[in-house]
């Protein structure tokens, strides 16, 4: 789990006279302090704005669609070369320690020859409101969590449903 830190923002406002000279006004100098408490959890360089939001994201999710199509879904195709890439299955597991695993199965067709492959990536995640930010070794992806649906924008829009 991450550690909590409280952050305060302080805003200062000084009054000035009509001629712009500070401190010569009849009005008293005004200081405005605005304290904005934010609980920030830090984990592997990730910022988690609210532990209850991160907790609501924890779970196992099953991939149900890609680019609005039920699986298997075509995510890339070049008819002139005979190439087609489909997403045929996938899962995402988000754990309480803010680590995650994302696995996806692909089918490739090239000139009528079919092959499949799996990708499995470990990651960390952070949440802010409905946003879920995934950090992989190769970069970051951003998604949204609404009820039991996790939508991640990658090369394709992937929609996962909580199991």
N, C-alpha and C. Protein backbone atom coordinates (compact mmCIF):
# COMPACT_ATOMS: atom_id res chain seq x y z
N UNK A 1 0.84 -1.19 0.00
CA UNK A 1 0.00 0.00 0.00
C UNK A 1 0.87 1.24 0.00
N UNK A 2 0.34 2.31 -0.51
CA UNK A 2 1.08 3.56 -0.56
C UNK A 2 0.97 4.31 0.75
N UNK A 3 1.82 5.31 0.90
CA UNK A 3 1.73 6.13 2.10
C UNK A 3 0.90 7.36 1.79
N UNK A 4 0.29 7.93 2.80
CA UNK A 4 -0.57 9.10 2.59
C UNK A 4 0.21 10.38 2.84
N UNK A 5 -0.08 11.40 2.07
CA UNK A 5 0.53 12.72 2.27
C UNK A 5 -0.58 13.75 2.16
N UNK A 6 -0.51 14.75 2.98
CA UNK A 6 -1.48 15.84 2.92
C UNK A 6 -0.81 17.03 2.25
N UNK A 7 -1.47 17.58 1.28
CA UNK A 7 -0.92 18.69 0.52
C UNK A 7 -1.78 19.92 0.77
N UNK A 8 -1.14 21.05 0.97
CA UNK A 8 -1.87 22.30 1.18
C UNK A 8 -1.42 23.32 0.16
N UNK A 9 -2.36 24.01 -0.42
CA UNK A 9 -2.05 25.09 -1.34
C UNK A 9 -2.31 26.40 -0.62
N UNK A 10 -1.36 27.31 -0.70
CA UNK A 10 -1.50 28.60 -0.03
C UNK A 10 -1.50 29.68 -1.10
N UNK A 11 -2.52 30.52 -1.08
CA UNK A 11 -2.64 31.61 -2.04
C UNK A 11 -2.54 32.91 -1.26
N UNK A 12 -1.68 33.83 -1.70
CA UNK A 12 -1.51 35.11 -1.01
C UNK A 12 -1.97 36.23 -1.92
N UNK A 13 -2.71 37.16 -1.34
CA UNK A 13 -3.21 38.30 -2.11
C UNK A 13 -2.90 39.58 -1.33
N UNK A 14 -2.06 40.46 -1.89
CA UNK A 14 -1.74 41.75 -1.26
C UNK A 14 -2.54 42.83 -1.96
N UNK A 15 -3.09 43.80 -1.18
CA UNK A 15 -3.78 44.93 -1.79
C UNK A 15 -2.76 46.01 -2.09
N UNK A 16 -3.07 46.81 -3.07
CA UNK A 16 -2.19 47.91 -3.45
C UNK A 16 -3.03 49.18 -3.55
N UNK A 17 -2.37 50.32 -3.49
CA UNK A 17 -3.08 51.60 -3.65
C UNK A 17 -3.39 51.81 -5.11
N UNK A 18 -4.15 52.85 -5.37
CA UNK A 18 -4.49 53.18 -6.74
C UNK A 18 -3.26 53.50 -7.58
N UNK A 19 -2.19 54.00 -6.93
CA UNK A 19 -0.98 54.31 -7.69
C UNK A 19 -0.05 53.12 -7.81
N UNK A 20 -0.42 51.99 -7.28
CA UNK A 20 0.36 50.77 -7.44
C UNK A 20 1.44 50.56 -6.41
N UNK A 21 1.57 51.44 -5.40
CA UNK A 21 2.61 51.27 -4.38
C UNK A 21 2.11 50.30 -3.33
N UNK A 22 2.82 49.22 -3.13
CA UNK A 22 2.35 48.27 -2.12
C UNK A 22 2.49 48.83 -0.71
N UNK A 23 1.57 48.48 0.13
CA UNK A 23 1.65 48.81 1.55
C UNK A 23 1.22 50.21 1.93
N UNK A 24 0.79 51.04 0.98
CA UNK A 24 0.40 52.40 1.32
C UNK A 24 -1.11 52.59 1.27
N UNK A 25 -1.84 51.52 1.15
CA UNK A 25 -3.29 51.61 1.07
C UNK A 25 -3.88 51.76 2.46
N UNK A 26 -5.07 52.36 2.51
CA UNK A 26 -5.80 52.42 3.76
C UNK A 26 -6.42 51.07 4.09
N UNK A 27 -6.54 50.25 3.08
CA UNK A 27 -7.10 48.92 3.33
C UNK A 27 -6.03 48.04 3.97
N UNK A 28 -6.42 47.21 4.88
CA UNK A 28 -5.41 46.33 5.48
C UNK A 28 -4.93 45.30 4.45
N UNK A 29 -3.68 44.90 4.64
CA UNK A 29 -3.13 43.87 3.77
C UNK A 29 -3.95 42.60 3.98
N UNK A 30 -4.29 41.97 2.91
CA UNK A 30 -5.12 40.77 3.01
C UNK A 30 -4.28 39.55 2.66
N UNK A 31 -4.43 38.54 3.45
CA UNK A 31 -3.80 37.26 3.14
C UNK A 31 -4.90 36.22 3.11
N UNK A 32 -4.88 35.48 2.12
CA UNK A 32 -5.88 34.44 1.98
C UNK A 32 -5.17 33.10 1.96
N UNK A 33 -5.49 32.28 2.89
CA UNK A 33 -4.92 30.95 2.94
C UNK A 33 -6.02 29.95 2.60
N UNK A 34 -5.78 29.21 1.62
CA UNK A 34 -6.73 28.20 1.21
C UNK A 34 -6.04 26.85 1.37
N UNK A 35 -6.58 26.05 2.23
CA UNK A 35 -6.01 24.72 2.43
C UNK A 35 -6.84 23.70 1.69
N UNK A 36 -6.19 22.99 0.85
CA UNK A 36 -6.88 21.97 0.08
C UNK A 36 -6.26 20.62 0.45
N UNK A 37 -6.94 19.87 1.30
CA UNK A 37 -6.35 18.57 1.67
C UNK A 37 -6.54 17.55 0.55
N UNK A 38 -5.47 16.92 0.20
CA UNK A 38 -5.50 15.84 -0.79
C UNK A 38 -4.73 14.66 -0.20
N UNK A 39 -5.34 13.54 -0.21
CA UNK A 39 -4.63 12.34 0.20
C UNK A 39 -4.05 11.72 -1.05
N UNK A 40 -2.75 11.62 -1.07
CA UNK A 40 -2.09 11.08 -2.24
C UNK A 40 -1.34 9.82 -1.82
N UNK A 41 -1.63 8.73 -2.46
CA UNK A 41 -0.90 7.49 -2.21
C UNK A 41 0.13 7.32 -3.30
N UNK A 42 1.33 7.01 -2.91
CA UNK A 42 2.41 6.84 -3.87
C UNK A 42 2.77 5.36 -3.93
N UNK A 43 2.81 4.79 -5.12
CA UNK A 43 3.20 3.40 -5.30
C UNK A 43 3.97 3.29 -6.60
N UNK A 44 5.21 2.94 -6.55
CA UNK A 44 6.05 2.77 -7.75
C UNK A 44 5.95 3.98 -8.67
N UNK A 45 5.97 5.15 -8.13
CA UNK A 45 5.91 6.35 -8.94
C UNK A 45 4.52 6.67 -9.46
N UNK A 46 3.52 5.91 -9.07
CA UNK A 46 2.15 6.16 -9.51
C UNK A 46 1.43 6.98 -8.45
N UNK A 47 0.55 7.83 -8.87
CA UNK A 47 -0.25 8.62 -7.94
C UNK A 47 -1.65 8.03 -7.90
N UNK A 48 -2.14 7.75 -6.72
CA UNK A 48 -3.49 7.26 -6.54
C UNK A 48 -4.20 8.30 -5.69
N UNK A 49 -5.23 8.93 -6.24
CA UNK A 49 -5.86 10.05 -5.57
C UNK A 49 -6.77 9.65 -4.45
N UNK A 50 -7.30 8.45 -4.48
CA UNK A 50 -8.26 8.05 -3.46
C UNK A 50 -8.24 6.54 -3.34
N UNK A 51 -7.90 6.04 -2.15
CA UNK A 51 -7.80 4.60 -1.95
C UNK A 51 -9.11 3.87 -2.22
N UNK A 52 -10.26 4.51 -1.92
CA UNK A 52 -11.53 3.82 -2.17
C UNK A 52 -11.78 3.66 -3.66
N UNK A 53 -11.31 4.62 -4.47
CA UNK A 53 -11.43 4.48 -5.92
C UNK A 53 -10.57 3.32 -6.41
N UNK A 54 -9.34 3.22 -5.90
CA UNK A 54 -8.46 2.12 -6.30
C UNK A 54 -9.08 0.80 -5.90
N UNK A 55 -9.69 0.74 -4.71
CA UNK A 55 -10.33 -0.49 -4.24
C UNK A 55 -11.49 -0.90 -5.14
N UNK A 56 -12.24 0.08 -5.65
CA UNK A 56 -13.37 -0.26 -6.51
C UNK A 56 -12.90 -0.81 -7.86
N UNK A 57 -11.66 -0.52 -8.24
CA UNK A 57 -11.12 -1.02 -9.50
C UNK A 57 -10.57 -2.43 -9.38
N UNK A 58 -10.31 -2.88 -8.15
CA UNK A 58 -9.72 -4.21 -7.95
C UNK A 58 -10.68 -5.29 -8.42
N UNK A 59 -10.14 -6.24 -9.17
CA UNK A 59 -10.96 -7.36 -9.62
C UNK A 59 -10.43 -7.97 -10.90
N UNK A 60 -11.17 -8.96 -11.38
CA UNK A 60 -10.84 -9.64 -12.63
C UNK A 60 -11.85 -9.21 -13.68
N UNK A 61 -11.35 -8.90 -14.85
CA UNK A 61 -12.17 -8.42 -15.95
C UNK A 61 -11.93 -9.30 -17.18
N UNK A 62 -12.99 -9.59 -17.90
CA UNK A 62 -12.92 -10.41 -19.11
C UNK A 62 -13.19 -9.52 -20.32
N UNK A 63 -12.35 -9.63 -21.34
CA UNK A 63 -12.51 -8.81 -22.54
C UNK A 63 -13.76 -9.25 -23.30
N UNK A 64 -14.65 -8.29 -23.61
CA UNK A 64 -15.91 -8.63 -24.29
C UNK A 64 -16.03 -8.01 -25.67
N UNK A 65 -15.30 -6.91 -25.94
CA UNK A 65 -15.38 -6.31 -27.27
C UNK A 65 -14.14 -5.50 -27.58
N UNK A 66 -13.92 -5.30 -28.88
CA UNK A 66 -12.83 -4.45 -29.37
C UNK A 66 -13.40 -3.60 -30.50
N UNK A 67 -13.20 -2.31 -30.41
CA UNK A 67 -13.73 -1.36 -31.39
C UNK A 67 -15.23 -1.54 -31.62
N UNK A 68 -15.96 -1.83 -30.55
CA UNK A 68 -17.42 -1.95 -30.64
C UNK A 68 -17.91 -3.27 -31.20
N UNK A 69 -17.02 -4.19 -31.51
CA UNK A 69 -17.41 -5.50 -32.05
C UNK A 69 -17.23 -6.57 -30.98
N UNK A 70 -18.18 -7.50 -30.89
CA UNK A 70 -18.00 -8.64 -30.00
C UNK A 70 -16.82 -9.47 -30.48
N UNK A 71 -16.21 -10.20 -29.56
CA UNK A 71 -15.06 -11.03 -29.93
C UNK A 71 -15.50 -12.28 -30.67
N UNK A 72 -14.74 -12.78 -31.63
CA UNK A 72 -13.50 -12.20 -32.13
C UNK A 72 -13.78 -10.94 -32.93
N UNK A 73 -12.87 -9.96 -32.81
CA UNK A 73 -13.06 -8.67 -33.46
C UNK A 73 -11.83 -8.31 -34.29
N UNK A 74 -12.07 -7.88 -35.50
CA UNK A 74 -10.98 -7.44 -36.38
C UNK A 74 -10.51 -6.08 -35.90
N UNK A 75 -9.20 -5.95 -35.63
CA UNK A 75 -8.64 -4.67 -35.18
C UNK A 75 -7.69 -4.08 -36.21
N UNK A 76 -7.26 -4.88 -37.19
CA UNK A 76 -6.42 -4.37 -38.28
C UNK A 76 -6.62 -5.28 -39.48
N UNK A 77 -6.69 -4.64 -40.66
CA UNK A 77 -6.87 -5.44 -41.86
C UNK A 77 -6.33 -4.67 -43.06
N UNK A 78 -5.65 -5.40 -43.94
CA UNK A 78 -5.18 -4.84 -45.19
C UNK A 78 -5.54 -5.84 -46.28
N UNK A 79 -6.62 -5.59 -46.96
CA UNK A 79 -7.13 -6.55 -47.96
C UNK A 79 -6.15 -6.73 -49.12
N UNK A 80 -5.41 -5.69 -49.46
CA UNK A 80 -4.49 -5.82 -50.60
C UNK A 80 -3.32 -6.77 -50.30
N UNK A 81 -2.93 -6.88 -49.02
CA UNK A 81 -1.84 -7.80 -48.66
C UNK A 81 -2.37 -9.11 -48.08
N UNK A 82 -3.68 -9.18 -47.83
CA UNK A 82 -4.25 -10.39 -47.25
C UNK A 82 -4.00 -10.53 -45.76
N UNK A 83 -3.66 -9.42 -45.10
CA UNK A 83 -3.38 -9.45 -43.66
C UNK A 83 -4.61 -9.07 -42.87
N UNK A 84 -4.84 -9.82 -41.76
CA UNK A 84 -5.93 -9.48 -40.84
C UNK A 84 -5.48 -9.83 -39.42
N UNK A 85 -5.72 -8.93 -38.47
CA UNK A 85 -5.44 -9.17 -37.06
C UNK A 85 -6.74 -9.09 -36.29
N UNK A 86 -7.01 -10.11 -35.48
CA UNK A 86 -8.22 -10.16 -34.66
C UNK A 86 -7.85 -10.33 -33.20
N UNK A 87 -8.62 -9.71 -32.32
CA UNK A 87 -8.53 -9.99 -30.89
C UNK A 87 -9.58 -11.06 -30.62
N UNK A 88 -9.14 -12.19 -30.03
CA UNK A 88 -10.10 -13.28 -29.82
C UNK A 88 -10.41 -13.56 -28.36
N UNK A 89 -9.57 -13.07 -27.44
CA UNK A 89 -9.85 -13.26 -26.01
C UNK A 89 -8.93 -12.35 -25.20
N UNK A 90 -9.28 -12.12 -23.95
CA UNK A 90 -8.42 -11.32 -23.09
C UNK A 90 -8.96 -11.21 -21.68
N UNK A 91 -8.06 -10.94 -20.77
CA UNK A 91 -8.39 -10.76 -19.35
C UNK A 91 -7.50 -9.67 -18.76
N UNK A 92 -8.00 -9.01 -17.74
CA UNK A 92 -7.21 -8.04 -16.98
C UNK A 92 -7.49 -8.31 -15.50
N UNK A 93 -6.44 -8.35 -14.71
CA UNK A 93 -6.59 -8.52 -13.27
C UNK A 93 -5.93 -7.33 -12.58
N UNK A 94 -6.72 -6.60 -11.81
CA UNK A 94 -6.23 -5.45 -11.04
C UNK A 94 -6.25 -5.85 -9.57
N UNK A 95 -5.08 -5.80 -8.93
CA UNK A 95 -4.94 -6.27 -7.56
C UNK A 95 -4.88 -5.12 -6.55
N UNK A 96 -5.15 -5.43 -5.29
CA UNK A 96 -5.21 -4.42 -4.23
C UNK A 96 -3.88 -3.71 -4.02
N UNK A 97 -2.76 -4.36 -4.37
CA UNK A 97 -1.45 -3.71 -4.22
C UNK A 97 -1.12 -2.79 -5.40
N UNK A 98 -2.14 -2.54 -6.24
CA UNK A 98 -2.06 -1.64 -7.41
C UNK A 98 -1.16 -2.18 -8.53
N UNK A 99 -0.97 -3.51 -8.53
CA UNK A 99 -0.31 -4.15 -9.66
C UNK A 99 -1.39 -4.79 -10.51
N UNK A 100 -1.06 -5.09 -11.75
CA UNK A 100 -2.06 -5.67 -12.64
C UNK A 100 -1.38 -6.53 -13.71
N UNK A 101 -2.19 -7.40 -14.28
CA UNK A 101 -1.76 -8.25 -15.39
C UNK A 101 -2.81 -8.15 -16.47
N UNK A 102 -2.37 -7.94 -17.71
CA UNK A 102 -3.27 -7.87 -18.84
C UNK A 102 -2.80 -8.92 -19.85
N UNK A 103 -3.71 -9.81 -20.24
CA UNK A 103 -3.38 -10.86 -21.21
C UNK A 103 -4.38 -10.79 -22.36
N UNK A 104 -3.87 -10.89 -23.58
CA UNK A 104 -4.72 -10.80 -24.77
C UNK A 104 -4.29 -11.86 -25.78
N UNK A 105 -5.27 -12.52 -26.39
CA UNK A 105 -4.99 -13.50 -27.44
C UNK A 105 -5.37 -12.91 -28.79
N UNK A 106 -4.49 -13.07 -29.77
CA UNK A 106 -4.68 -12.54 -31.11
C UNK A 106 -4.67 -13.68 -32.14
N UNK A 107 -5.38 -13.44 -33.23
CA UNK A 107 -5.32 -14.34 -34.37
C UNK A 107 -4.88 -13.51 -35.57
N UNK A 108 -3.90 -14.02 -36.31
CA UNK A 108 -3.37 -13.34 -37.48
C UNK A 108 -3.64 -14.20 -38.71
N UNK A 109 -4.10 -13.56 -39.76
CA UNK A 109 -4.29 -14.25 -41.03
C UNK A 109 -3.48 -13.49 -42.08
N UNK A 110 -2.58 -14.23 -42.75
CA UNK A 110 -1.78 -13.64 -43.82
C UNK A 110 -1.85 -14.57 -45.03
N UNK A 111 -2.43 -14.08 -46.11
CA UNK A 111 -2.60 -14.88 -47.33
C UNK A 111 -3.20 -16.25 -47.03
N UNK A 112 -4.23 -16.27 -46.18
CA UNK A 112 -4.93 -17.51 -45.87
C UNK A 112 -4.29 -18.36 -44.79
N UNK A 113 -3.08 -18.03 -44.36
CA UNK A 113 -2.39 -18.78 -43.31
C UNK A 113 -2.73 -18.16 -41.96
N UNK A 114 -3.17 -18.99 -41.00
CA UNK A 114 -3.65 -18.50 -39.71
C UNK A 114 -2.68 -18.90 -38.60
N UNK A 115 -2.40 -17.95 -37.71
CA UNK A 115 -1.60 -18.23 -36.51
C UNK A 115 -2.21 -17.45 -35.35
N UNK A 116 -1.90 -17.88 -34.13
CA UNK A 116 -2.39 -17.17 -32.93
C UNK A 116 -1.20 -16.88 -32.02
N UNK A 117 -1.38 -15.89 -31.16
CA UNK A 117 -0.37 -15.57 -30.16
C UNK A 117 -1.04 -14.95 -28.95
N UNK A 118 -0.38 -15.06 -27.80
CA UNK A 118 -0.82 -14.45 -26.55
C UNK A 118 0.17 -13.37 -26.17
N UNK A 119 -0.32 -12.27 -25.65
CA UNK A 119 0.57 -11.29 -25.02
C UNK A 119 0.13 -11.20 -23.56
N UNK A 120 1.09 -11.12 -22.68
CA UNK A 120 0.81 -11.00 -21.24
C UNK A 120 1.76 -9.94 -20.70
N UNK A 121 1.20 -8.90 -20.12
CA UNK A 121 2.00 -7.79 -19.61
C UNK A 121 1.67 -7.51 -18.15
N UNK A 122 2.71 -7.28 -17.36
CA UNK A 122 2.55 -6.86 -15.97
C UNK A 122 2.54 -5.33 -15.96
N UNK A 123 1.80 -4.75 -15.02
CA UNK A 123 1.70 -3.30 -14.95
C UNK A 123 1.36 -2.86 -13.54
N UNK A 124 1.32 -1.54 -13.35
CA UNK A 124 0.76 -0.93 -12.15
C UNK A 124 -0.38 -0.04 -12.62
N UNK A 125 -1.26 0.33 -11.70
CA UNK A 125 -2.36 1.21 -12.08
C UNK A 125 -2.63 2.24 -11.01
N UNK A 126 -3.21 3.34 -11.44
CA UNK A 126 -3.62 4.42 -10.54
C UNK A 126 -5.01 4.87 -10.97
N UNK A 127 -5.79 5.37 -10.03
CA UNK A 127 -7.14 5.82 -10.34
C UNK A 127 -7.34 7.27 -9.92
N UNK A 128 -8.21 7.94 -10.63
CA UNK A 128 -8.64 9.29 -10.28
C UNK A 128 -10.06 9.43 -10.83
N UNK A 129 -11.04 9.42 -9.94
CA UNK A 129 -12.44 9.41 -10.40
C UNK A 129 -12.69 8.12 -11.15
N UNK A 130 -13.23 8.23 -12.36
CA UNK A 130 -13.49 7.04 -13.17
C UNK A 130 -12.28 6.66 -14.02
N UNK A 131 -11.25 7.50 -14.03
CA UNK A 131 -10.07 7.22 -14.84
C UNK A 131 -9.17 6.17 -14.19
N UNK A 132 -8.70 5.25 -15.00
CA UNK A 132 -7.72 4.26 -14.56
C UNK A 132 -6.53 4.39 -15.50
N UNK A 133 -5.36 4.66 -14.93
CA UNK A 133 -4.14 4.85 -15.73
C UNK A 133 -3.23 3.64 -15.49
N UNK A 134 -2.91 2.94 -16.57
CA UNK A 134 -2.06 1.75 -16.51
C UNK A 134 -0.66 2.13 -16.95
N UNK A 135 0.34 1.68 -16.18
CA UNK A 135 1.73 1.94 -16.55
C UNK A 135 2.42 0.60 -16.80
N UNK A 136 2.85 0.44 -18.04
CA UNK A 136 3.58 -0.75 -18.48
C UNK A 136 5.04 -0.35 -18.69
N UNK A 137 5.92 -1.32 -18.84
CA UNK A 137 7.32 -1.01 -19.15
C UNK A 137 7.42 -0.21 -20.45
N UNK A 138 6.52 -0.51 -21.38
CA UNK A 138 6.59 0.11 -22.71
C UNK A 138 5.82 1.43 -22.80
N UNK A 139 5.11 1.82 -21.76
CA UNK A 139 4.35 3.08 -21.81
C UNK A 139 3.10 3.02 -20.95
N UNK A 140 2.20 3.97 -21.20
CA UNK A 140 0.98 4.07 -20.42
C UNK A 140 -0.25 3.97 -21.30
N UNK A 141 -1.33 3.47 -20.70
CA UNK A 141 -2.65 3.46 -21.33
C UNK A 141 -3.63 4.04 -20.32
N UNK A 142 -4.67 4.68 -20.83
CA UNK A 142 -5.68 5.28 -19.97
C UNK A 142 -7.02 4.63 -20.28
N UNK A 143 -7.77 4.36 -19.22
CA UNK A 143 -9.10 3.78 -19.38
C UNK A 143 -10.08 4.43 -18.44
N UNK A 144 -11.33 3.98 -18.53
CA UNK A 144 -12.37 4.45 -17.61
C UNK A 144 -13.08 3.24 -17.03
N UNK A 145 -13.48 3.37 -15.78
CA UNK A 145 -14.23 2.31 -15.09
C UNK A 145 -15.59 2.88 -14.72
N UNK A 146 -16.63 2.30 -15.31
CA UNK A 146 -18.00 2.69 -15.01
C UNK A 146 -18.75 1.43 -14.63
N UNK A 147 -19.14 1.35 -13.36
CA UNK A 147 -19.80 0.16 -12.81
C UNK A 147 -18.87 -1.04 -13.05
N UNK A 148 -19.31 -2.02 -13.80
CA UNK A 148 -18.50 -3.22 -14.03
C UNK A 148 -17.84 -3.24 -15.40
N UNK A 149 -17.82 -2.10 -16.10
CA UNK A 149 -17.19 -2.05 -17.41
C UNK A 149 -15.91 -1.22 -17.35
N UNK A 150 -14.82 -1.81 -17.80
CA UNK A 150 -13.53 -1.15 -17.90
C UNK A 150 -13.22 -0.97 -19.38
N UNK A 151 -13.12 0.28 -19.83
CA UNK A 151 -12.82 0.58 -21.23
C UNK A 151 -11.42 1.15 -21.29
N UNK A 152 -10.57 0.53 -22.13
CA UNK A 152 -9.18 0.94 -22.26
C UNK A 152 -8.93 1.33 -23.71
N UNK A 153 -8.35 2.50 -23.90
CA UNK A 153 -8.02 2.97 -25.24
C UNK A 153 -6.57 2.64 -25.55
N UNK A 154 -6.37 1.72 -26.48
CA UNK A 154 -5.04 1.34 -26.94
C UNK A 154 -5.05 1.55 -28.46
N UNK A 155 -4.46 0.65 -29.23
CA UNK A 155 -4.60 0.74 -30.69
C UNK A 155 -6.05 0.53 -31.07
N UNK A 156 -6.77 -0.18 -30.23
CA UNK A 156 -8.21 -0.40 -30.38
C UNK A 156 -8.87 -0.04 -29.05
N UNK A 157 -10.18 0.23 -29.08
CA UNK A 157 -10.89 0.45 -27.83
C UNK A 157 -11.33 -0.90 -27.31
N UNK A 158 -10.81 -1.28 -26.15
CA UNK A 158 -11.09 -2.59 -25.56
C UNK A 158 -12.03 -2.43 -24.37
N UNK A 159 -13.09 -3.23 -24.35
CA UNK A 159 -14.06 -3.17 -23.25
C UNK A 159 -14.03 -4.49 -22.50
N UNK A 160 -13.80 -4.38 -21.18
CA UNK A 160 -13.74 -5.54 -20.28
C UNK A 160 -14.95 -5.47 -19.34
N UNK A 161 -15.48 -6.64 -18.98
CA UNK A 161 -16.58 -6.72 -18.01
C UNK A 161 -16.06 -7.46 -16.78
N UNK A 162 -16.39 -6.90 -15.59
CA UNK A 162 -15.97 -7.55 -14.34
C UNK A 162 -16.59 -8.93 -14.25
N UNK A 163 -15.78 -9.87 -13.83
CA UNK A 163 -16.26 -11.26 -13.66
C UNK A 163 -17.01 -11.40 -12.38
